[in-house]
C-alpha atoms as a PDB file:
ATOM      1  CA  PRO A   1       8.042  -6.031   1.907  1.00  0.00           C
ATOM      2  CA  THR A   2       6.049  -4.173  -0.763  1.00  0.00           C
ATOM      3  CA  GLN A   3       4.954  -7.547  -2.164  1.00  0.00           C
ATOM      4  CA  THR A   4       3.427  -8.768   1.111  1.00  0.00           C
ATOM      5  CA  TYR A   5      -0.150  -8.576   2.306  1.00  0.00           C
ATOM      6  CA  ILE A   6       1.153  -6.867   5.443  1.00  0.00           C
ATOM      7  CA  TRP A   7       2.093  -3.984   3.169  1.00  0.00           C
ATOM      8  CA  ARG A   8      -1.397  -4.064   1.653  1.00  0.00           C
ATOM      9  CA  LEU A   9      -2.879  -3.926   5.151  1.00  0.00           C
ATOM     10  CA  LEU A  10      -0.793  -0.837   5.916  1.00  0.00           C
ATOM     11  CA  TRP A  11      -1.573   0.808   2.569  1.00  0.00           C
ATOM     12  CA  ILE A  12      -5.244  -0.059   2.057  1.00  0.00           C
ATOM     13  CA  VAL A  13      -6.554  -0.286   5.630  1.00  0.00           C
ATOM     14  CA  LEU A  14      -4.384   1.869   7.910  1.00  0.00           C
ATOM     15  CA  ALA A  15      -3.229   4.522   5.441  1.00  0.00           C
ATOM     16  CA  ASN A  16      -6.568   4.448   3.612  1.00  0.00           C
ATOM     17  CA  GLN A  17      -4.580   4.644   0.360  1.00  0.00           C
ATOM     18  CA  ASN A  18      -3.289   8.093   1.243  1.00  0.00           C
ATOM     19  CA  ARG A  19       0.383   8.517   0.283  1.00  0.00           C
ATOM     20  CA  ALA A  20       1.165  11.085   2.992  1.00  0.00           C
ATOM     21  CA  THR A  21      -0.346   8.838   5.682  1.00  0.00           C
ATOM     22  CA  MET A  22       1.508   5.779   4.388  1.00  0.00           C
ATOM     23  CA  GLU A  23       4.764   7.724   4.407  1.00  0.00           C
ATOM     24  CA  LEU A  24       4.088   8.831   7.991  1.00  0.00           C
ATOM     25  CA  ILE A  25       3.445   5.237   9.134  1.00  0.00           C
ATOM     26  CA  LEU A  26       6.551   3.871   7.406  1.00  0.00           C
ATOM     27  CA  ASN A  27       8.763   6.737   8.613  1.00  0.00           C
ATOM     28  CA  PHE A  28       7.489   6.269  12.165  1.00  0.00           C
ATOM     29  CA  LEU A  29       8.098   2.494  12.196  1.00  0.00           C
ATOM     30  CA  SER A  30      11.539   2.992  10.642  1.00  0.00           C
ATOM     31  CA  TRP A  31      12.388   5.658  13.212  1.00  0.00           C
ATOM     32  CA  LYS A  32      11.271   3.411  16.076  1.00  0.00           C
ATOM     33  CA  ALA A  33      13.276   0.465  14.774  1.00  0.00           C
ATOM     34  CA  GLN A  34      16.353   2.708  14.725  1.00  0.00           C
ATOM     35  CA  ASN A  35      15.577   4.584  17.982  1.00  0.00           C
ATOM     36  CA  PRO A  36      13.856   2.113  20.347  1.00  0.00           C
ATOM     37  CA  GLY A  37      14.909   4.072  23.439  1.00  0.00           C
ATOM     38  CA  GLN A  38      13.227   7.337  22.427  1.00  0.00           C
ATOM     39  CA  LYS A  39       9.680   8.594  22.027  1.00  0.00           C
ATOM     40  CA  PHE A  40       8.529   9.686  18.589  1.00  0.00           C
ATOM     41  CA  GLY A  41       7.878  13.429  18.482  1.00  0.00           C
ATOM     42  CA  GLY A  42       8.123  13.734  22.248  1.00  0.00           C
ATOM     43  CA  GLY A  43       5.221  11.341  22.767  1.00  0.00           C
ATOM     44  CA  ARG A  44       2.164  10.526  20.690  1.00  0.00           C
ATOM     45  CA  ILE A  45      -0.847   8.270  20.935  1.00  0.00           C
ATOM     46  CA  TRP A  46      -2.060   6.776  17.669  1.00  0.00           C
ATOM     47  CA  ILE A  47      -5.829   6.328  17.528  1.00  0.00           C
ATOM     48  CA  ILE A  48      -6.797   3.743  14.914  1.00  0.00           C
ATOM     49  CA  LYS A  49     -10.472   4.454  14.451  1.00  0.00           C
ATOM     50  CA  SER A  50     -13.453   3.364  12.419  1.00  0.00           C
ATOM     51  CA  VAL A  51     -17.119   3.085  13.290  1.00  0.00           C
ATOM     52  CA  LYS A  52     -17.096  -0.289  11.520  1.00  0.00           C
ATOM     53  CA  GLN A  53     -15.915  -3.405  13.354  1.00  0.00           C
ATOM     54  CA  GLY A  54     -13.758  -6.148  11.885  1.00  0.00           C
ATOM     55  CA  CYS A  55     -11.951  -3.935   9.386  1.00  0.00           C
ATOM     56  CA  GLY A  56      -8.404  -4.733  10.545  1.00  0.00           C
ATOM     57  CA  LYS A  57      -7.669  -2.274  13.370  1.00  0.00           C
ATOM     58  CA  SER A  58      -6.537  -4.927  15.854  1.00  0.00           C
ATOM     59  CA  THR A  59      -4.692  -6.879  13.172  1.00  0.00           C
ATOM     60  CA  PHE A  60      -2.054  -4.144  13.270  1.00  0.00           C
ATOM     61  CA  ALA A  61      -1.171  -5.287  16.802  1.00  0.00           C
ATOM     62  CA  GLU A  62      -0.266  -8.712  15.396  1.00  0.00           C
ATOM     63  CA  VAL A  63       1.891  -6.993  12.789  1.00  0.00           C
ATOM     64  CA  LEU A  64       3.805  -5.112  15.503  1.00  0.00           C
ATOM     65  CA  ILE A  65       4.272  -8.279  17.583  1.00  0.00           C
ATOM     66  CA  HIS A  66       5.648 -10.356  14.733  1.00  0.00           C
ATOM     67  CA  ILE A  67       7.859  -7.622  13.276  1.00  0.00           C
ATOM     68  CA  PHE A  68       9.263  -6.108  16.490  1.00  0.00           C
ATOM     69  CA  GLY A  69       9.013  -9.169  18.758  1.00  0.00           C
ATOM     70  CA  GLU A  70       6.492 -10.188  21.393  1.00  0.00           C
ATOM     71  CA  GLU A  71       8.822  -8.992  24.156  1.00  0.00           C
ATOM     72  CA  ASN A  72       8.644  -5.441  22.777  1.00  0.00           C
ATOM     73  CA  VAL A  73       4.858  -5.121  22.474  1.00  0.00           C
ATOM     74  CA  CYS A  74       2.464  -4.934  25.414  1.00  0.00           C
ATOM     75  CA  MET A  75      -1.200  -5.765  24.795  1.00  0.00           C
ATOM     76  CA  CYS A  76      -3.892  -4.146  26.973  1.00  0.00           C
ATOM     77  CA  THR A  77      -7.459  -5.326  26.567  1.00  0.00           C
ATOM     78  CA  ALA A  78      -8.981  -2.324  28.348  1.00  0.00           C
ATOM     79  CA  ALA A  79      -8.115   1.250  29.272  1.00  0.00           C
ATOM     80  CA  LYS A  80      -7.888   0.348  32.983  1.00  0.00           C
ATOM     81  CA  ASP A  81      -4.920  -1.918  32.201  1.00  0.00           C
ATOM     82  CA  LEU A  82      -3.137   0.991  30.555  1.00  0.00           C
ATOM     83  CA  VAL A  83      -3.604   3.527  33.352  1.00  0.00           C
ATOM     84  CA  GLY A  84      -3.966   1.239  36.369  1.00  0.00           C
ATOM     85  CA  ASN A  85      -1.638   1.170  39.389  1.00  0.00           C
ATOM     86  CA  PHE A  86       0.294  -1.967  38.499  1.00  0.00           C
ATOM     87  CA  THR A  87       2.188  -1.267  35.305  1.00  0.00           C
ATOM     88  CA  TRP A  88       5.428  -3.187  35.846  1.00  0.00           C
ATOM     89  CA  TRP A  89       4.586  -5.558  32.981  1.00  0.00           C
ATOM     90  CA  GLN A  90       4.599  -2.558  30.614  1.00  0.00           C
ATOM     91  CA  ASN A  91       8.109  -1.276  31.322  1.00  0.00           C
ATOM     92  CA  SER A  92      10.810  -1.337  28.619  1.00  0.00           C
ATOM     93  CA  LYS A  93       8.310  -1.966  25.820  1.00  0.00           C
ATOM     94  CA  CYS A  94       8.546  -0.284  22.433  1.00  0.00           C
ATOM     95  CA  PHE A  95       4.789  -0.339  21.899  1.00  0.00           C
ATOM     96  CA  ILE A  96       1.702  -0.509  24.090  1.00  0.00           C
ATOM     97  CA  PHE A  97      -1.419  -1.481  22.171  1.00  0.00           C
ATOM     98  CA  CYS A  98      -4.790  -0.939  23.844  1.00  0.00           C
ATOM     99  CA  ASP A  99      -7.770  -2.468  22.115  1.00  0.00           C
ATOM    100  CA  ASP A 100     -10.975  -0.411  22.404  1.00  0.00           C
ATOM    101  CA  ILE A 101     -10.022   2.865  24.097  1.00  0.00           C
ATOM    102  CA  ASP A 102     -13.695   3.920  24.034  1.00  0.00           C
ATOM    103  CA  SER A 103     -14.156   2.701  27.610  1.00  0.00           C
ATOM    104  CA  CYS A 104     -11.590   5.260  28.857  1.00  0.00           C
ATOM    105  CA  THR A 105     -13.114   7.676  31.370  1.00  0.00           C
ATOM    106  CA  ASN A 106     -12.362  11.390  31.540  1.00  0.00           C
ATOM    107  CA  ALA A 107     -10.151  10.852  34.596  1.00  0.00           C
ATOM    108  CA  GLN A 108      -8.253   8.014  32.905  1.00  0.00           C
ATOM    109  CA  THR A 109      -7.731  10.212  29.858  1.00  0.00           C
ATOM    110  CA  GLY A 110      -6.037  12.807  32.075  1.00  0.00           C
ATOM    111  CA  LEU A 111      -3.653  10.187  33.469  1.00  0.00           C
ATOM    112  CA  LEU A 112      -2.944   8.883  29.999  1.00  0.00           C
ATOM    113  CA  LYS A 113      -2.170  12.336  28.581  1.00  0.00           C
ATOM    114  CA  ALA A 114       0.480  12.890  31.238  1.00  0.00           C
ATOM    115  CA  ARG A 115       2.068   9.509  30.577  1.00  0.00           C
ATOM    116  CA  ILE A 116       2.197   9.916  26.800  1.00  0.00           C
ATOM    117  CA  SER A 117       4.677  12.783  26.952  1.00  0.00           C
ATOM    118  CA  ALA A 118       6.575  11.617  30.073  1.00  0.00           C
ATOM    119  CA  LYS A 119      10.256  10.776  29.639  1.00  0.00           C
ATOM    120  CA  LYS A 120      10.275   8.854  32.926  1.00  0.00           C
ATOM    121  CA  PHE A 121       7.457   6.929  34.562  1.00  0.00           C
ATOM    122  CA  TRP A 122       6.863   5.174  37.892  1.00  0.00           C
ATOM    123  CA  TYR A 123       6.312   1.476  37.186  1.00  0.00           C
ATOM    124  CA  GLU A 124       4.922  -0.636  39.993  1.00  0.00           C
ATOM    125  CA  GLU A 125       4.576  -4.347  40.632  1.00  0.00           C
ATOM    126  CA  LYS A 126       1.946  -5.430  43.143  1.00  0.00           C
ATOM    127  CA  ASN A 127       3.231  -5.401  46.742  1.00  0.00           C
ATOM    128  CA  LYS A 128       6.585  -3.992  45.616  1.00  0.00           C
ATOM    129  CA  THR A 129       8.204  -0.570  45.576  1.00  0.00           C
ATOM    130  CA  LYS A 130       7.606   1.708  42.605  1.00  0.00           C
ATOM    131  CA  VAL A 131      10.604   2.156  40.316  1.00  0.00           C
ATOM    132  CA  LEU A 132      11.269   5.242  38.178  1.00  0.00           C
ATOM    133  CA  LEU A 133      12.419   4.163  34.716  1.00  0.00           C
ATOM    134  CA  ASN A 134      12.833   5.690  31.281  1.00  0.00           C
ATOM    135  CA  CYS A 135       9.499   5.760  29.464  1.00  0.00           C
ATOM    136  CA  CYS A 136       9.979   5.247  25.732  1.00  0.00           C
ATOM    137  CA  GLU A 137       6.908   3.304  24.645  1.00  0.00           C
ATOM    138  CA  GLU A 138       4.650   4.341  21.787  1.00  0.00           C
ATOM    139  CA  TYR A 139       0.887   4.029  22.246  1.00  0.00           C
ATOM    140  CA  PHE A 140      -1.636   2.589  19.820  1.00  0.00           C
ATOM    141  CA  CYS A 141      -5.335   2.356  20.586  1.00  0.00           C
ATOM    142  CA  THR A 142      -8.344   1.238  18.593  1.00  0.00           C
ATOM    143  CA  SER A 143     -11.664   3.041  18.674  1.00  0.00           C
ATOM    144  CA  ASN A 144     -15.132   2.753  17.174  1.00  0.00           C
ATOM    145  CA  CYS A 145     -15.929   6.384  18.038  1.00  0.00           C
ATOM    146  CA  GLU A 146     -15.418   9.504  15.955  1.00  0.00           C
ATOM    147  CA  THR A 147     -13.965  11.524  18.865  1.00  0.00           C
ATOM    148  CA  PRO A 148     -12.458   9.251  21.540  1.00  0.00           C
ATOM    149  CA  LEU A 149     -10.449  10.343  24.603  1.00  0.00           C
ATOM    150  CA  TYR A 150     -12.610  13.377  25.496  1.00  0.00           C
ATOM    151  CA  GLN A 151     -10.474  15.799  23.522  1.00  0.00           C
ATOM    152  CA  GLY A 152     -10.383  17.405  20.135  1.00  0.00           C
ATOM    153  CA  GLU A 153      -8.438  16.118  17.168  1.00  0.00           C
ATOM    154  CA  GLU A 154      -6.195  19.182  17.351  1.00  0.00           C
ATOM    155  CA  ASP A 155      -4.591  17.931  20.595  1.00  0.00           C
ATOM    156  CA  ARG A 156      -0.877  17.577  19.861  1.00  0.00           C
ATOM    157  CA  ARG A 157      -0.536  14.234  21.652  1.00  0.00           C
ATOM    158  CA  GLN A 158      -3.014  12.453  19.396  1.00  0.00           C
ATOM    159  CA  LEU A 159      -2.544  11.148  15.911  1.00  0.00           C
ATOM    160  CA  TYR A 160      -5.657   9.785  14.229  1.00  0.00           C
ATOM    161  CA  LEU A 161      -5.751   7.107  11.548  1.00  0.00           C
ATOM    162  CA  ASP A 162      -9.174   6.853   9.912  1.00  0.00           C
ATOM    163  CA  VAL A 163      -9.236   3.227   8.850  1.00  0.00           C
ATOM    164  CA  ASN A 164     -10.606   2.138   5.486  1.00  0.00           C
ATOM    165  CA  PRO A 165     -13.702  -0.044   6.186  1.00  0.00           C
ATOM    166  CA  LYS A 166     -13.344  -1.882   2.848  1.00  0.00           C
ATOM    167  CA  PHE A 167     -12.787  -5.290   4.453  1.00  0.00           C
ATOM    168  CA  ALA A 168     -15.252  -4.899   7.342  1.00  0.00           C
ATOM    169  CA  SER A 169     -17.953  -6.882   5.559  1.00  0.00           C
ATOM    170  CA  LYS A 170     -17.908 -10.612   6.223  1.00  0.00           C
ATOM    171  CA  ASN A 171     -17.771 -11.674   2.593  1.00  0.00           C
ATOM    172  CA  ALA A 172     -15.438 -14.040   0.763  1.00  0.00           C
ATOM    173  CA  ASP A 173     -13.128 -11.233  -0.383  1.00  0.00           C
ATOM    174  CA  SER A 174     -12.544  -9.877   3.115  1.00  0.00           C
ATOM    175  CA  LYS A 175     -11.950 -13.365   4.548  1.00  0.00           C
ATOM    176  CA  GLU A 176      -9.463 -14.140   1.787  1.00  0.00           C
ATOM    177  CA  PHE A 177      -7.673 -10.832   2.350  1.00  0.00           C
ATOM    178  CA  PHE A 178      -7.232 -11.358   6.095  1.00  0.00           C
ATOM    179  CA  ASN A 179      -6.233 -15.006   5.602  1.00  0.00           C
ATOM    180  CA  LEU A 180      -3.437 -13.818   3.327  1.00  0.00           C
ATOM    181  CA  VAL A 181      -2.460 -11.031   5.760  1.00  0.00           C
ATOM    182  CA  TYR A 182      -2.161 -13.507   8.619  1.00  0.00           C
ATOM    183  CA  ALA A 183      -0.255 -15.948   6.416  1.00  0.00           C
ATOM    184  CA  ASP A 184       2.338 -13.205   5.941  1.00  0.00           C
ATOM    185  CA  ILE A 185       2.260 -12.254   9.623  1.00  0.00           C
ATOM    186  CA  TYR A 186       3.090 -15.829  10.633  1.00  0.00           C
ATOM    187  CA  SER A 187       5.669 -16.201   7.882  1.00  0.00           C
ATOM    188  CA  MET A 188       9.254 -15.685   9.050  1.00  0.00           C
ATOM    189  CA  ASP A 189      10.279 -14.448   5.601  1.00  0.00           C
ATOM    190  CA  GLY A 190       7.344 -12.043   5.358  1.00  0.00           C
ATOM    191  CA  CYS A 191       7.992 -10.476   8.765  1.00  0.00           C
ATOM    192  CA  TRP A 192      11.772 -10.356   8.505  1.00  0.00           C
ATOM    193  CA  ALA A 193      11.567  -8.260   5.342  1.00  0.00           C
ATOM    194  CA  PHE A 194      10.157  -5.370   7.391  1.00  0.00           C
ATOM    195  CA  PRO A 195      12.846  -4.909  10.109  1.00  0.00           C
ATOM    196  CA  ASP A 196      15.445  -5.174   7.368  1.00  0.00           C
ATOM    197  CA  TYR A 197      13.566  -2.496   5.399  1.00  0.00           C
ATOM    198  CA  PHE A 198      13.052  -0.235   8.427  1.00  0.00           C
ATOM    199  CA  LEU A 199      16.700  -0.411   9.495  1.00  0.00           C
END
């Protein structure tokens, strides 16, 4: 996997070329591949943040989908989907990825904080009875704010990744980089190397 552009995305963009951060990301993904029915560290929410747009924050969601399987990753397009009443479609997922958490209100943040560390959660389908199930999903959110979620960076539930904005500019180099990243993402060989590595 170290030869893929997925690895370069993790190293350059998400880890911002910081060895400790890269090790944390790889150890976390390895742990989750080996322990899909448990929450990492008792429950964390990863905030992938950068004030710049188009630098690769949401691309990580595609990486998770193609490495861990679409059936194991739930995509939310807004905070209200994450903390709304009808969450049946989110049960039994390994990852919940919410794009643009900046729209989350103070009240929604409170609901989210309780869910992050919960071992069991009431999942509900519309017009059906709520069901209490094990809650083992990991949460990833993107943000264009410096301090999202109405709480300080010292909060134990949050884990911030300050994304490298190197490829945010719409030049030929950034387009080529993301074309190569997505070529690896949609390559069976490229994606399969990662679960094998994590396990």
